[in-house]
Amino acid sequence: MRVIEISEFGGPDVLKVAERPDPVAGPGEVLIAVVAAGVNRPDVIQRLGKYPPPPGASDLPGLEVAGTIVALGPGVSGFAVGDEVCALVAGGGYAALVNVPQEQVLPIPRGLSMIEAAAIPETYFTVWTNVFERGELTRGESILIHGGTSGIGTTAIQLAHAFGAHVLTTAGSDEKCEATIKLGAAHAFNYKGIDWVAAAKAATDGRGVDVVLDIVGGDYIARNLEALAVEGRLIQIAFLKSAKAELDFSVMMRKRLWITGSTLRPRTPAQKGVIAKQLHQRVWPLLEARTVRPIIHQVFPLAQAADAHRLMEAGTHIGKIVLEV
């Protein structure tokens, strides 16, 4: 099969088209003929040599795919050859074929294309488990979402709004801020010209926000604590700046704050399967009704994966970048 390999760690040009033996569906796995694969920030970090795949996972990049099931491994139930599906994978998405534990596979929501479906799993799994499970965001609460035009951001804004939260977000330009408003944010702050802590407090009548979803880290972490209301929750899921910060924990104690976070890739198929079931029950109806939708910025042919990574690193995109296999 045709794949995209990381030939060595480095810039986008290290992504090379190659040939690999076709994978085989093992026990409890389905084999998917990939039509499209989502591109995510962790793919870039893996390419740089800073995010190795978990034990047993493919060394190929790619954490989400959409396609057609072409084979079933022993013990698989609920799926058939020919089913059109999307799936969360622990690696191997940049390829013509990928084998996936059945727990991580979902039917494509009715009315969505393969391209759209390929842009769903990584961000929707991540946002659901962090914002709604760990962060316990509920109707009527407020949430500040950093990186509002990223794949995570566009997903989190739409889901939080759909479930009745008051959404605030940050983005790096006025154009991006306008895009987040169209997706459901009530307030959008251009972090290059606005003190977003002060702005978030002003937008909540001085109370602060109930939840912060952060992908930035570094000096944002202490500022997030400032922006939170009493009993607020900080959810840390990535570090575009740094994983290290100096914090005044008296702020956390005084406000009775929670600091939490998680990674998705190392979790077991059973754990990911629990999230998949919740998404199918709670979020798939919203996708099928087009209440929420994957935002596709650009589609590249698989052979142009390096160009897709350049766009990701430039940070000018709004929504998801997808490879068409």
Protein backbone atom coordinates (compact mmCIF):
# COMPACT_ATOMS: atom_id res chain seq x y z
CA MET A 1 0.00 0.00 0.00
CA ARG A 2 0.99 3.64 -0.46
CA VAL A 3 1.83 5.54 2.73
CA ILE A 4 3.47 8.72 3.98
CA GLU A 5 6.52 7.96 6.12
CA ILE A 6 8.55 10.17 8.41
CA SER A 7 11.90 9.46 6.76
CA GLU A 8 13.76 11.27 9.56
CA PHE A 9 12.81 13.82 12.18
CA GLY A 10 12.68 17.39 10.92
CA GLY A 11 10.74 19.80 8.72
CA PRO A 12 7.81 19.00 6.44
CA ASP A 13 10.06 17.71 3.65
CA VAL A 14 10.90 14.60 5.70
CA LEU A 15 7.39 13.31 4.87
CA LYS A 16 7.92 10.91 1.96
CA VAL A 17 5.65 8.74 -0.16
CA ALA A 18 6.56 5.07 0.33
CA GLU A 19 5.24 1.53 -0.07
CA ARG A 20 4.44 -0.72 2.90
CA PRO A 21 2.96 -4.21 3.15
CA ASP A 22 -0.83 -4.19 3.47
CA PRO A 23 -1.91 -4.52 7.11
CA VAL A 24 -4.16 -7.36 8.24
CA ALA A 25 -7.13 -7.04 10.56
CA GLY A 26 -6.26 -8.76 13.82
CA PRO A 27 -8.64 -9.99 16.52
CA GLY A 28 -11.23 -7.34 17.28
CA GLU A 29 -10.03 -5.10 14.44
CA VAL A 30 -11.48 -3.86 11.18
CA LEU A 31 -9.41 -3.05 8.09
CA ILE A 32 -10.35 0.26 6.49
CA ALA A 33 -9.58 1.35 2.94
CA VAL A 34 -8.82 4.99 3.68
CA VAL A 35 -10.46 7.68 1.56
CA ALA A 36 -9.37 10.64 3.68
CA ALA A 37 -7.22 11.32 6.73
CA GLY A 38 -7.26 14.30 9.06
CA VAL A 39 -4.11 16.32 9.79
CA ASN A 40 -3.59 17.35 13.41
CA ARG A 41 -0.99 19.21 15.44
CA PRO A 42 0.25 15.97 17.09
CA ASP A 43 1.24 14.76 13.60
CA VAL A 44 3.58 17.75 13.32
CA ILE A 45 5.01 17.12 16.78
CA GLN A 46 5.60 13.44 15.90
CA ARG A 47 7.35 14.50 12.70
CA LEU A 48 9.69 16.66 14.80
CA GLY A 49 10.55 13.65 16.97
CA LYS A 50 8.80 14.96 20.07
CA TYR A 51 5.70 12.72 20.18
CA PRO A 52 6.54 9.04 19.69
CA PRO A 53 3.66 6.64 19.00
CA PRO A 54 2.58 4.47 21.94
CA PRO A 55 3.87 0.88 22.10
CA GLY A 56 2.35 -1.29 19.39
CA ALA A 57 1.05 1.61 17.31
CA SER A 58 2.08 2.32 13.73
CA ASP A 59 5.07 4.62 13.23
CA LEU A 60 3.17 6.34 10.39
CA PRO A 61 1.54 9.66 11.24
CA GLY A 62 -2.22 10.17 11.17
CA LEU A 63 -4.73 9.92 14.03
CA GLU A 64 -8.09 9.91 12.22
CA VAL A 65 -9.49 8.46 9.00
CA ALA A 66 -12.65 7.90 7.02
CA GLY A 67 -13.18 5.12 4.51
CA THR A 68 -14.76 1.76 3.79
CA ILE A 69 -14.35 -1.46 5.76
CA VAL A 70 -12.72 -4.10 3.54
CA ALA A 71 -12.06 -6.87 6.07
CA LEU A 72 -13.10 -7.96 9.57
CA GLY A 73 -10.81 -9.58 12.11
CA PRO A 74 -11.89 -12.45 14.37
CA GLY A 75 -14.40 -11.45 17.00
CA VAL A 76 -15.68 -8.27 15.33
CA SER A 77 -19.40 -7.62 15.66
CA GLY A 78 -21.66 -4.78 14.61
CA PHE A 79 -19.76 -4.01 11.39
CA ALA A 80 -19.75 -5.49 7.90
CA VAL A 81 -17.50 -5.31 4.86
CA GLY A 82 -18.62 -2.31 2.82
CA ASP A 83 -19.61 -0.14 5.78
CA GLU A 84 -18.57 3.49 5.45
CA VAL A 85 -16.96 4.56 8.70
CA CYS A 86 -14.68 7.03 10.42
CA ALA A 87 -12.21 6.03 13.09
CA LEU A 88 -9.78 7.25 15.69
CA VAL A 89 -6.37 5.61 15.25
CA ALA A 90 -3.22 5.66 17.37
CA GLY A 91 -1.14 6.10 14.21
CA GLY A 92 -1.09 4.98 10.60
CA GLY A 93 -3.73 7.29 9.16
CA TYR A 94 -1.55 8.61 6.32
CA ALA A 95 -1.97 5.38 4.36
CA ALA A 96 -4.23 3.58 1.89
CA LEU A 97 -5.18 0.95 4.49
CA VAL A 98 -5.28 0.96 8.29
CA ASN A 99 -6.38 -1.62 10.86
CA VAL A 100 -8.35 -0.23 13.80
CA PRO A 101 -9.81 -1.68 17.02
CA GLN A 102 -13.55 -1.93 16.51
CA GLU A 103 -14.21 0.15 19.64
CA GLN A 104 -12.71 3.20 17.91
CA VAL A 105 -14.83 2.94 14.76
CA LEU A 106 -18.07 4.85 14.16
CA PRO A 107 -20.50 5.05 11.24
CA ILE A 108 -20.17 8.18 9.15
CA PRO A 109 -22.91 10.59 10.24
CA ARG A 110 -25.72 10.69 7.69
CA GLY A 111 -25.25 13.44 5.12
CA LEU A 112 -21.52 13.96 5.68
CA SER A 113 -18.88 13.33 3.07
CA MET A 114 -15.79 11.19 3.61
CA ILE A 115 -13.70 14.37 3.72
CA GLU A 116 -15.87 15.82 6.48
CA ALA A 117 -15.96 12.54 8.38
CA ALA A 118 -12.16 12.28 8.37
CA ALA A 119 -12.03 15.61 10.21
CA ILE A 120 -14.19 14.41 13.10
CA PRO A 121 -12.60 11.74 15.32
CA GLU A 122 -9.47 13.29 16.82
CA THR A 123 -10.99 16.64 17.74
CA TYR A 124 -14.45 15.39 18.72
CA PHE A 125 -13.08 12.60 20.92
CA THR A 126 -10.67 15.08 22.53
CA VAL A 127 -13.20 17.85 23.12
CA TRP A 128 -15.89 15.52 24.43
CA THR A 129 -13.73 13.73 26.99
CA ASN A 130 -12.02 16.91 28.19
CA VAL A 131 -14.70 19.60 28.12
CA PHE A 132 -17.77 17.56 29.01
CA GLU A 133 -16.34 14.65 31.03
CA ARG A 134 -13.31 16.04 32.85
CA GLY A 135 -14.37 19.70 32.74
CA GLU A 136 -18.03 18.94 33.48
CA LEU A 137 -19.25 21.90 31.42
CA THR A 138 -23.00 22.29 31.82
CA ARG A 139 -25.75 24.39 30.28
CA GLY A 140 -25.60 28.02 31.36
CA GLU A 141 -21.91 27.95 32.30
CA SER A 142 -19.20 29.92 30.52
CA ILE A 143 -16.10 28.58 28.78
CA LEU A 144 -13.03 30.33 27.41
CA ILE A 145 -11.52 28.41 24.49
CA HIS A 146 -8.01 29.34 23.36
CA GLY A 147 -7.07 28.87 19.71
CA GLY A 148 -10.64 29.28 18.56
CA THR A 149 -9.94 28.65 14.88
CA SER A 150 -7.88 25.48 15.36
CA GLY A 151 -9.46 22.10 14.78
CA ILE A 152 -9.94 21.74 18.52
CA GLY A 153 -11.21 25.30 18.82
CA THR A 154 -13.81 25.15 16.04
CA THR A 155 -15.08 21.86 17.46
CA ALA A 156 -15.18 23.04 21.09
CA ILE A 157 -16.95 26.30 20.22
CA GLN A 158 -19.71 24.52 18.32
CA LEU A 159 -20.25 21.76 20.88
CA ALA A 160 -20.18 24.09 23.88
CA HIS A 161 -22.67 26.41 22.17
CA ALA A 162 -24.90 23.51 21.12
CA PHE A 163 -25.06 22.26 24.72
CA GLY A 164 -26.06 25.68 26.03
CA ALA A 165 -22.80 27.17 27.31
CA HIS A 166 -21.75 30.81 26.97
CA VAL A 167 -18.65 30.71 24.77
CA LEU A 168 -15.67 33.05 24.83
CA THR A 169 -12.60 32.49 22.70
CA THR A 170 -9.23 33.89 21.66
CA ALA A 171 -7.73 34.01 18.17
CA GLY A 172 -4.82 35.72 16.45
CA SER A 173 -6.59 38.09 14.04
CA ASP A 174 -9.82 40.02 13.64
CA GLU A 175 -10.74 37.75 10.71
CA LYS A 176 -10.32 34.67 12.87
CA CYS A 177 -12.33 36.26 15.67
CA GLU A 178 -15.18 36.92 13.23
CA ALA A 179 -15.07 33.28 12.13
CA THR A 180 -15.47 32.08 15.73
CA ILE A 181 -18.48 34.33 16.26
CA LYS A 182 -20.16 32.69 13.27
CA LEU A 183 -19.53 29.29 14.88
CA GLY A 184 -21.28 30.24 18.12
CA ALA A 185 -18.86 32.21 20.27
CA ALA A 186 -20.49 35.13 22.09
CA HIS A 187 -17.17 36.95 22.53
CA ALA A 188 -13.88 36.64 20.63
CA PHE A 189 -10.67 38.37 21.70
CA ASN A 190 -7.71 39.05 19.41
CA TYR A 191 -4.90 38.09 21.78
CA LYS A 192 -2.44 40.21 19.80
CA GLY A 193 -4.16 43.41 20.83
CA ILE A 194 -6.44 42.66 23.76
CA ASP A 195 -5.83 41.66 27.39
CA TRP A 196 -8.00 38.56 27.20
CA VAL A 197 -8.03 38.05 30.99
CA ALA A 198 -9.53 41.48 31.55
CA ALA A 199 -11.86 41.03 28.58
CA ALA A 200 -13.11 37.65 29.85
CA LYS A 201 -13.82 39.12 33.27
CA ALA A 202 -15.63 42.09 31.74
CA ALA A 203 -17.74 39.77 29.58
CA THR A 204 -18.79 37.82 32.68
CA ASP A 205 -19.53 40.92 34.82
CA GLY A 206 -16.31 40.42 36.76
CA ARG A 207 -17.10 36.86 37.79
CA GLY A 208 -14.69 35.04 35.50
CA VAL A 209 -15.34 31.97 33.37
CA ASP A 210 -16.32 28.53 34.65
CA VAL A 211 -14.03 26.56 32.33
CA VAL A 212 -10.90 27.28 30.31
CA LEU A 213 -9.78 24.94 27.52
CA ASP A 214 -6.12 25.65 26.81
CA ILE A 215 -3.79 24.42 24.07
CA VAL A 216 -1.14 27.12 24.60
CA GLY A 217 0.46 26.57 28.00
CA GLY A 218 3.47 28.57 29.16
CA ASP A 219 2.52 31.94 30.62
CA TYR A 220 -1.11 31.31 29.66
CA ILE A 221 -1.46 28.83 32.53
CA ALA A 222 -1.14 31.44 35.31
CA ARG A 223 -3.33 33.86 33.36
CA ASN A 224 -5.97 31.17 32.96
CA LEU A 225 -6.19 30.88 36.73
CA GLU A 226 -6.78 34.63 36.89
CA ALA A 227 -9.56 34.39 34.32
CA LEU A 228 -11.41 31.58 36.13
CA ALA A 229 -14.37 32.09 38.43
CA VAL A 230 -14.65 30.51 41.87
CA GLU A 231 -14.93 26.71 41.44
CA GLY A 232 -13.59 27.11 37.89
CA ARG A 233 -11.83 24.36 35.95
CA LEU A 234 -8.70 24.65 33.82
CA ILE A 235 -8.38 21.92 31.19
CA GLN A 236 -4.90 21.65 29.69
CA ILE A 237 -4.64 19.54 26.54
CA ALA A 238 -1.61 20.87 24.65
CA PHE A 239 1.40 23.19 24.92
CA LEU A 240 2.07 25.37 21.90
CA LYS A 241 4.33 27.49 24.15
CA SER A 242 5.68 25.39 27.01
CA ALA A 243 4.66 22.63 29.38
CA LYS A 244 6.30 24.50 32.25
CA ALA A 245 4.96 27.51 34.14
CA GLU A 246 5.37 29.34 37.43
CA LEU A 247 2.09 29.38 39.33
CA ASP A 248 0.79 31.09 42.44
CA PHE A 249 -1.19 28.22 43.95
CA SER A 250 -2.80 30.54 46.48
CA VAL A 251 -5.02 31.66 43.57
CA MET A 252 -6.11 28.07 43.06
CA MET A 253 -6.78 27.63 46.77
CA ARG A 254 -8.61 30.91 47.18
CA LYS A 255 -10.91 30.25 44.21
CA ARG A 256 -11.17 26.49 44.82
CA LEU A 257 -10.05 25.80 41.26
CA TRP A 258 -9.49 22.47 39.51
CA ILE A 259 -6.59 21.92 37.13
CA THR A 260 -6.93 18.87 34.92
CA GLY A 261 -5.93 17.60 31.51
CA SER A 262 -5.44 14.44 29.52
CA THR A 263 -3.94 12.83 26.45
CA LEU A 264 -6.01 10.65 24.14
CA ARG A 265 -3.54 8.65 22.09
CA PRO A 266 -2.16 6.32 24.84
CA ARG A 267 -5.59 5.30 26.13
CA THR A 268 -6.77 1.74 25.62
CA PRO A 269 -9.28 0.81 22.91
CA ALA A 270 -11.82 0.08 25.67
CA GLN A 271 -11.38 3.57 27.11
CA LYS A 272 -11.67 5.15 23.67
CA GLY A 273 -14.71 2.97 23.03
CA VAL A 274 -16.53 4.54 25.97
CA ILE A 275 -15.99 7.97 24.43
CA ALA A 276 -17.10 6.67 21.02
CA LYS A 277 -20.40 5.43 22.43
CA GLN A 278 -21.08 8.78 24.09
CA LEU A 279 -20.31 10.63 20.87
CA HIS A 280 -22.60 8.34 18.89
CA GLN A 281 -25.42 8.93 21.36
CA ARG A 282 -24.99 12.63 22.16
CA VAL A 283 -23.11 14.23 19.25
CA TRP A 284 -23.91 12.21 16.10
CA PRO A 285 -27.51 13.54 16.07
CA LEU A 286 -26.12 17.09 16.13
CA LEU A 287 -23.80 16.31 13.22
CA GLU A 288 -26.59 14.72 11.21
CA ALA A 289 -28.82 17.75 11.87
CA ARG A 290 -25.89 20.03 10.87
CA THR A 291 -26.21 21.77 14.24
CA VAL A 292 -22.46 21.23 14.47
CA ARG A 293 -20.14 20.37 11.61
CA PRO A 294 -16.47 19.82 10.86
CA ILE A 295 -14.96 22.98 9.42
CA ILE A 296 -12.71 22.07 6.47
CA HIS A 297 -10.08 24.66 5.58
CA GLN A 298 -8.24 22.82 2.80
CA VAL A 299 -7.86 19.35 1.29
CA PHE A 300 -4.52 18.09 -0.05
CA PRO A 301 -3.70 14.89 -1.98
CA LEU A 302 -1.88 12.36 0.19
CA ALA A 303 1.37 12.93 -1.73
CA GLN A 304 1.27 16.59 -0.67
CA ALA A 305 1.33 15.84 3.06
CA ALA A 306 4.36 18.09 3.43
CA ASP A 307 2.35 21.05 2.10
CA ALA A 308 -0.45 20.22 4.54
CA HIS A 309 2.07 20.31 7.40
CA ARG A 310 3.45 23.64 6.20
CA LEU A 311 -0.05 25.10 6.34
CA MET A 312 -0.59 23.64 9.81
CA GLU A 313 2.64 25.21 11.06
CA ALA A 314 1.86 28.58 9.43
CA GLY A 315 -1.23 28.80 11.63
CA THR A 316 -3.32 30.62 9.03
CA HIS A 317 -5.97 27.92 8.70
CA ILE A 318 -9.47 28.05 10.13
CA GLY A 319 -10.69 24.57 11.00
CA LYS A 320 -9.30 21.28 9.76
CA ILE A 321 -6.78 20.23 7.12
CA VAL A 322 -7.48 16.90 5.39
CA LEU A 323 -5.49 14.55 3.15
CA GLU A 324 -7.40 12.81 0.34
CA VAL A 325 -6.04 9.31 -0.14
